[in-house]
Structure formats: structure tokens, C-alpha cells
PDB file of N, CA and C in Angstrom:
ATOM      1  N   MET A   1      54.436 -15.707 -41.409  1.00  0.00           N
ATOM      2  CA  MET A   1      53.183 -15.579 -42.119  1.00  0.00           C
ATOM      3  C   MET A   1      52.793 -14.109 -42.282  1.00  0.00           C
ATOM      4  N   ARG A   2      53.119 -13.305 -41.285  1.00  0.00           N
ATOM      5  CA  ARG A   2      52.799 -11.880 -41.374  1.00  0.00           C
ATOM      6  C   ARG A   2      53.576 -11.207 -42.492  1.00  0.00           C
ATOM      7  N   LEU A   3      54.833 -11.624 -42.648  1.00  0.00           N
ATOM      8  CA  LEU A   3      55.647 -11.037 -43.707  1.00  0.00           C
ATOM      9  C   LEU A   3      55.084 -11.412 -45.071  1.00  0.00           C
ATOM     10  N   LEU A   4      54.587 -12.626 -45.197  1.00  0.00           N
ATOM     11  CA  LEU A   4      53.999 -13.056 -46.463  1.00  0.00           C
ATOM     12  C   LEU A   4      52.773 -12.213 -46.807  1.00  0.00           C
ATOM     13  N   SER A   5      51.932 -11.944 -45.837  1.00  0.00           N
ATOM     14  CA  SER A   5      50.744 -11.128 -46.111  1.00  0.00           C
ATOM     15  C   SER A   5      51.128  -9.695 -46.468  1.00  0.00           C
ATOM     16  N   ALA A   6      52.160  -9.160 -45.837  1.00  0.00           N
ATOM     17  CA  ALA A   6      52.631  -7.816 -46.184  1.00  0.00           C
ATOM     18  C   ALA A   6      53.199  -7.803 -47.600  1.00  0.00           C
ATOM     19  N   PHE A   7      53.927  -8.860 -47.956  1.00  0.00           N
ATOM     20  CA  PHE A   7      54.488  -8.959 -49.301  1.00  0.00           C
ATOM     21  C   PHE A   7      53.376  -9.072 -50.343  1.00  0.00           C
ATOM     22  N   VAL A   8      52.370  -9.882 -50.065  1.00  0.00           N
ATOM     23  CA  VAL A   8      51.246 -10.041 -50.998  1.00  0.00           C
ATOM     24  C   VAL A   8      50.512  -8.713 -51.182  1.00  0.00           C
ATOM     25  N   ALA A   9      50.317  -7.978 -50.104  1.00  0.00           N
ATOM     26  CA  ALA A   9      49.665  -6.669 -50.207  1.00  0.00           C
ATOM     27  C   ALA A   9      50.491  -5.723 -51.066  1.00  0.00           C
ATOM     28  N   TRP A  10      51.810  -5.753 -50.904  1.00  0.00           N
ATOM     29  CA  TRP A  10      52.692  -4.901 -51.697  1.00  0.00           C
ATOM     30  C   TRP A  10      52.624  -5.286 -53.173  1.00  0.00           C
ATOM     31  N   VAL A  11      52.598  -6.577 -53.460  1.00  0.00           N
ATOM     32  CA  VAL A  11      52.507  -7.037 -54.849  1.00  0.00           C
ATOM     33  C   VAL A  11      51.177  -6.606 -55.468  1.00  0.00           C
ATOM     34  N   ILE A  12      50.100  -6.683 -54.707  1.00  0.00           N
ATOM     35  CA  ILE A  12      48.794  -6.254 -55.218  1.00  0.00           C
ATOM     36  C   ILE A  12      48.805  -4.760 -55.537  1.00  0.00           C
ATOM     37  N   ILE A  13      49.403  -3.970 -54.666  1.00  0.00           N
ATOM     38  CA  ILE A  13      49.499  -2.528 -54.917  1.00  0.00           C
ATOM     39  C   ILE A  13      50.314  -2.257 -56.174  1.00  0.00           C
ATOM     40  N   MET A  14      51.426  -2.972 -56.355  1.00  0.00           N
ATOM     41  CA  MET A  14      52.243  -2.784 -57.548  1.00  0.00           C
ATOM     42  C   MET A  14      51.473  -3.192 -58.802  1.00  0.00           C
ATOM     43  N   PHE A  15      50.696  -4.257 -58.718  1.00  0.00           N
ATOM     44  CA  PHE A  15      49.887  -4.694 -59.858  1.00  0.00           C
ATOM     45  C   PHE A  15      48.859  -3.623 -60.230  1.00  0.00           C
ATOM     46  N   ILE A  16      48.224  -3.042 -59.234  1.00  0.00           N
ATOM     47  CA  ILE A  16      47.247  -1.978 -59.491  1.00  0.00           C
ATOM     48  C   ILE A  16      47.923  -0.788 -60.168  1.00  0.00           C
ATOM     49  N   GLU A  17      49.129  -0.453 -59.747  1.00  0.00           N
ATOM     50  CA  GLU A  17      49.838   0.669 -60.358  1.00  0.00           C
ATOM     51  C   GLU A  17      50.231   0.369 -61.797  1.00  0.00           C
ATOM     52  N   VAL A  18      50.625  -0.863 -62.082  1.00  0.00           N
ATOM     53  CA  VAL A  18      50.971  -1.227 -63.458  1.00  0.00           C
ATOM     54  C   VAL A  18      49.721  -1.184 -64.341  1.00  0.00           C
ATOM     55  N   VAL A  19      48.601  -1.669 -63.828  1.00  0.00           N
ATOM     56  CA  VAL A  19      47.345  -1.593 -64.585  1.00  0.00           C
ATOM     57  C   VAL A  19      46.978  -0.137 -64.836  1.00  0.00           C
ATOM     58  N   TRP A  20      47.154   0.706 -63.836  1.00  0.00           N
ATOM     59  CA  TRP A  20      46.907   2.143 -63.968  1.00  0.00           C
ATOM     60  C   TRP A  20      47.770   2.736 -65.082  1.00  0.00           C
ATOM     61  N   LEU A  21      49.049   2.345 -65.114  1.00  0.00           N
ATOM     62  CA  LEU A  21      49.955   2.832 -66.149  1.00  0.00           C
ATOM     63  C   LEU A  21      49.501   2.372 -67.527  1.00  0.00           C
ATOM     64  N   VAL A  22      49.145   1.104 -67.668  1.00  0.00           N
ATOM     65  CA  VAL A  22      48.720   0.575 -68.965  1.00  0.00           C
ATOM     66  C   VAL A  22      47.444   1.269 -69.441  1.00  0.00           C
ATOM     67  N   ILE A  23      46.509   1.485 -68.542  1.00  0.00           N
ATOM     68  CA  ILE A  23      45.261   2.164 -68.915  1.00  0.00           C
ATOM     69  C   ILE A  23      45.548   3.592 -69.370  1.00  0.00           C
ATOM     70  N   ASN A  24      46.421   4.280 -68.678  1.00  0.00           N
ATOM     71  CA  ASN A  24      46.746   5.657 -69.063  1.00  0.00           C
ATOM     72  C   ASN A  24      47.514   5.716 -70.373  1.00  0.00           C
ATOM     73  N   ILE A  25      48.413   4.762 -70.607  1.00  0.00           N
ATOM     74  CA  ILE A  25      49.155   4.748 -71.868  1.00  0.00           C
ATOM     75  C   ILE A  25      48.207   4.470 -73.027  1.00  0.00           C
ATOM     76  N   SER A  26      47.305   3.511 -72.844  1.00  0.00           N
ATOM     77  CA  SER A  26      46.380   3.187 -73.930  1.00  0.00           C
ATOM     78  C   SER A  26      45.372   4.309 -74.166  1.00  0.00           C
ATOM     79  N   GLY A  27      45.134   5.119 -73.167  1.00  0.00           N
ATOM     80  CA  GLY A  27      44.216   6.247 -73.315  1.00  0.00           C
ATOM     81  C   GLY A  27      44.876   7.503 -73.839  1.00  0.00           C
ATOM     82  N   GLY A  28      46.172   7.452 -74.072  1.00  0.00           N
ATOM     83  CA  GLY A  28      46.879   8.610 -74.602  1.00  0.00           C
ATOM     84  C   GLY A  28      47.193   9.661 -73.561  1.00  0.00           C
ATOM     85  N   ALA A  29      47.389   9.246 -72.337  1.00  0.00           N
ATOM     86  CA  ALA A  29      47.666  10.202 -71.260  1.00  0.00           C
ATOM     87  C   ALA A  29      49.040  10.831 -71.434  1.00  0.00           C
ATOM     88  N   ARG A  30      49.172  12.017 -70.887  1.00  0.00           N
ATOM     89  CA  ARG A  30      50.446  12.738 -70.983  1.00  0.00           C
ATOM     90  C   ARG A  30      51.241  12.699 -69.685  1.00  0.00           C
ATOM     91  N   ASN A  31      50.717  12.037 -68.669  1.00  0.00           N
ATOM     92  CA  ASN A  31      51.382  12.051 -67.364  1.00  0.00           C
ATOM     93  C   ASN A  31      52.074  10.726 -67.050  1.00  0.00           C
ATOM     94  N   LYS A  32      52.644  10.086 -68.065  1.00  0.00           N
ATOM     95  CA  LYS A  32      53.310   8.800 -67.859  1.00  0.00           C
ATOM     96  C   LYS A  32      54.492   8.930 -66.905  1.00  0.00           C
ATOM     97  N   GLU A  33      55.207  10.034 -66.998  1.00  0.00           N
ATOM     98  CA  GLU A  33      56.376  10.214 -66.142  1.00  0.00           C
ATOM     99  C   GLU A  33      55.980  10.251 -64.673  1.00  0.00           C
ATOM    100  N   GLU A  34      54.866  10.872 -64.371  1.00  0.00           N
ATOM    101  CA  GLU A  34      54.403  10.923 -62.984  1.00  0.00           C
ATOM    102  C   GLU A  34      54.069   9.526 -62.472  1.00  0.00           C
ATOM    103  N   ILE A  35      53.468   8.722 -63.324  1.00  0.00           N
ATOM    104  CA  ILE A  35      53.133   7.358 -62.918  1.00  0.00           C
ATOM    105  C   ILE A  35      54.402   6.541 -62.721  1.00  0.00           C
ATOM    106  N   TYR A  36      55.402   6.734 -63.588  1.00  0.00           N
ATOM    107  CA  TYR A  36      56.687   6.052 -63.405  1.00  0.00           C
ATOM    108  C   TYR A  36      57.296   6.418 -62.053  1.00  0.00           C
ATOM    109  N   VAL A  37      57.233   7.685 -61.702  1.00  0.00           N
ATOM    110  CA  VAL A  37      57.784   8.133 -60.425  1.00  0.00           C
ATOM    111  C   VAL A  37      57.036   7.488 -59.262  1.00  0.00           C
ATOM    112  N   VAL A  38      55.710   7.422 -59.355  1.00  0.00           N
ATOM    113  CA  VAL A  38      54.919   6.790 -58.298  1.00  0.00           C
ATOM    114  C   VAL A  38      55.290   5.319 -58.159  1.00  0.00           C
ATOM    115  N   ILE A  39      55.467   4.628 -59.283  1.00  0.00           N
ATOM    116  CA  ILE A  39      55.826   3.209 -59.239  1.00  0.00           C
ATOM    117  C   ILE A  39      57.205   3.023 -58.624  1.00  0.00           C
ATOM    118  N   ILE A  40      58.166   3.847 -58.999  1.00  0.00           N
ATOM    119  CA  ILE A  40      59.522   3.724 -58.447  1.00  0.00           C
ATOM    120  C   ILE A  40      59.514   4.013 -56.951  1.00  0.00           C
ATOM    121  N   ILE A  41      58.803   5.051 -56.536  1.00  0.00           N
ATOM    122  CA  ILE A  41      58.718   5.356 -55.105  1.00  0.00           C
ATOM    123  C   ILE A  41      58.053   4.208 -54.359  1.00  0.00           C
ATOM    124  N   SER A  42      57.008   3.630 -54.937  1.00  0.00           N
ATOM    125  CA  SER A  42      56.336   2.491 -54.297  1.00  0.00           C
ATOM    126  C   SER A  42      57.255   1.288 -54.191  1.00  0.00           C
ATOM    127  N   LEU A  43      58.052   1.048 -55.225  1.00  0.00           N
ATOM    128  CA  LEU A  43      59.009  -0.064 -55.166  1.00  0.00           C
ATOM    129  C   LEU A  43      60.017   0.136 -54.043  1.00  0.00           C
ATOM    130  N   VAL A  44      60.578   1.333 -53.976  1.00  0.00           N
ATOM    131  CA  VAL A  44      61.599   1.610 -52.962  1.00  0.00           C
ATOM    132  C   VAL A  44      61.001   1.582 -51.559  1.00  0.00           C
ATOM    133  N   MET A  45      59.874   2.250 -51.384  1.00  0.00           N
ATOM    134  CA  MET A  45      59.242   2.279 -50.059  1.00  0.00           C
ATOM    135  C   MET A  45      58.763   0.891 -49.644  1.00  0.00           C
ATOM    136  N   GLY A  46      58.229   0.130 -50.588  1.00  0.00           N
ATOM    137  CA  GLY A  46      57.769  -1.218 -50.275  1.00  0.00           C
ATOM    138  C   GLY A  46      58.907  -2.137 -49.885  1.00  0.00           C
ATOM    139  N   ALA A  47      60.002  -2.085 -50.642  1.00  0.00           N
ATOM    140  CA  ALA A  47      61.152  -2.925 -50.319  1.00  0.00           C
ATOM    141  C   ALA A  47      61.747  -2.531 -48.972  1.00  0.00           C
ATOM    142  N   THR A  48      61.854  -1.237 -48.720  1.00  0.00           N
ATOM    143  CA  THR A  48      62.376  -0.773 -47.436  1.00  0.00           C
ATOM    144  C   THR A  48      61.453  -1.170 -46.294  1.00  0.00           C
ATOM    145  N   GLY A  49      60.161  -0.990 -46.501  1.00  0.00           N
ATOM    146  CA  GLY A  49      59.198  -1.356 -45.467  1.00  0.00           C
ATOM    147  C   GLY A  49      59.205  -2.840 -45.163  1.00  0.00           C
ATOM    148  N   LEU A  50      59.282  -3.676 -46.200  1.00  0.00           N
ATOM    149  CA  LEU A  50      59.337  -5.121 -45.977  1.00  0.00           C
ATOM    150  C   LEU A  50      60.620  -5.518 -45.256  1.00  0.00           C
ATOM    151  N   ASN A  51      61.724  -4.864 -45.591  1.00  0.00           N
ATOM    152  CA  ASN A  51      62.988  -5.152 -44.920  1.00  0.00           C
ATOM    153  C   ASN A  51      62.910  -4.773 -43.446  1.00  0.00           C
ATOM    154  N   LEU A  52      62.398  -3.587 -43.154  1.00  0.00           N
ATOM    155  CA  LEU A  52      62.262  -3.164 -41.757  1.00  0.00           C
ATOM    156  C   LEU A  52      61.291  -4.064 -41.000  1.00  0.00           C
ATOM    157  N   TYR A  53      60.210  -4.460 -41.657  1.00  0.00           N
ATOM    158  CA  TYR A  53      59.219  -5.321 -41.017  1.00  0.00           C
ATOM    159  C   TYR A  53      59.796  -6.703 -40.726  1.00  0.00           C
ATOM    160  N   SER A  54      60.594  -7.232 -41.655  1.00  0.00           N
ATOM    161  CA  SER A  54      61.204  -8.545 -41.410  1.00  0.00           C
ATOM    162  C   SER A  54      62.217  -8.466 -40.274  1.00  0.00           C
ATOM    163  N   ASN A  55      62.954  -7.351 -40.188  1.00  0.00           N
ATOM    164  CA  ASN A  55      63.885  -7.174 -39.068  1.00  0.00           C
ATOM    165  C   ASN A  55      63.127  -7.055 -37.750  1.00  0.00           C
ATOM    166  N   HIS A  56      61.979  -6.392 -37.772  1.00  0.00           N
ATOM    167  CA  HIS A  56      61.159  -6.249 -36.571  1.00  0.00           C
ATOM    168  C   HIS A  56      60.610  -7.605 -36.116  1.00  0.00           C
ATOM    169  N   LEU A  57      60.232  -8.450 -37.065  1.00  0.00           N
ATOM    170  CA  LEU A  57      59.686  -9.763 -36.709  1.00  0.00           C
ATOM    171  C   LEU A  57      60.749 -10.679 -36.105  1.00  0.00           C
ATOM    172  N   ARG A  58      62.004 -10.483 -36.481  1.00  0.00           N
ATOM    173  CA  ARG A  58      63.087 -11.331 -35.955  1.00  0.00           C
ATOM    174  C   ARG A  58      63.385 -11.046 -34.495  1.00  0.00           C
ATOM    175  N   LYS A  59      63.103  -9.829 -34.038  1.00  0.00           N
ATOM    176  CA  LYS A  59      63.442  -9.441 -32.662  1.00  0.00           C
ATOM    177  C   LYS A  59      62.554 -10.097 -31.658  1.00  0.00           C
TER     178      LYS A  59
END
């Protein structure tokens, strides 16, 4: 159950970042690349964190 709550929190954070990207694109922002980098880093860190957390829960 703990892993599910961590996963849901990660999905919510990713959703907020996608909304942030859409708002900036529709507003004509010039920093789209920075937002892409933030999203990719969040994906990698989130997946790694969930993997480490699931391994920790198994012990």
C-alpha cells in the first residue's frame, strides 16, 4: 500500500509538470526545453526512487 501511495504522488507530480508545460506552450513561453529537461529528470528520478523504495519494502 505504501508503494501505491508513492506511485500516486509521483503521477500527480508528473501531471502538474505536464499542465505546467501546456500552460507555458499556450502562453508562448521560450523555456520549453527547460521544462522538458525537468520532466525527464522527474521521470528518471521517480522511476529510480520507486524501484529503490519497492526493494526497501521487500526486505
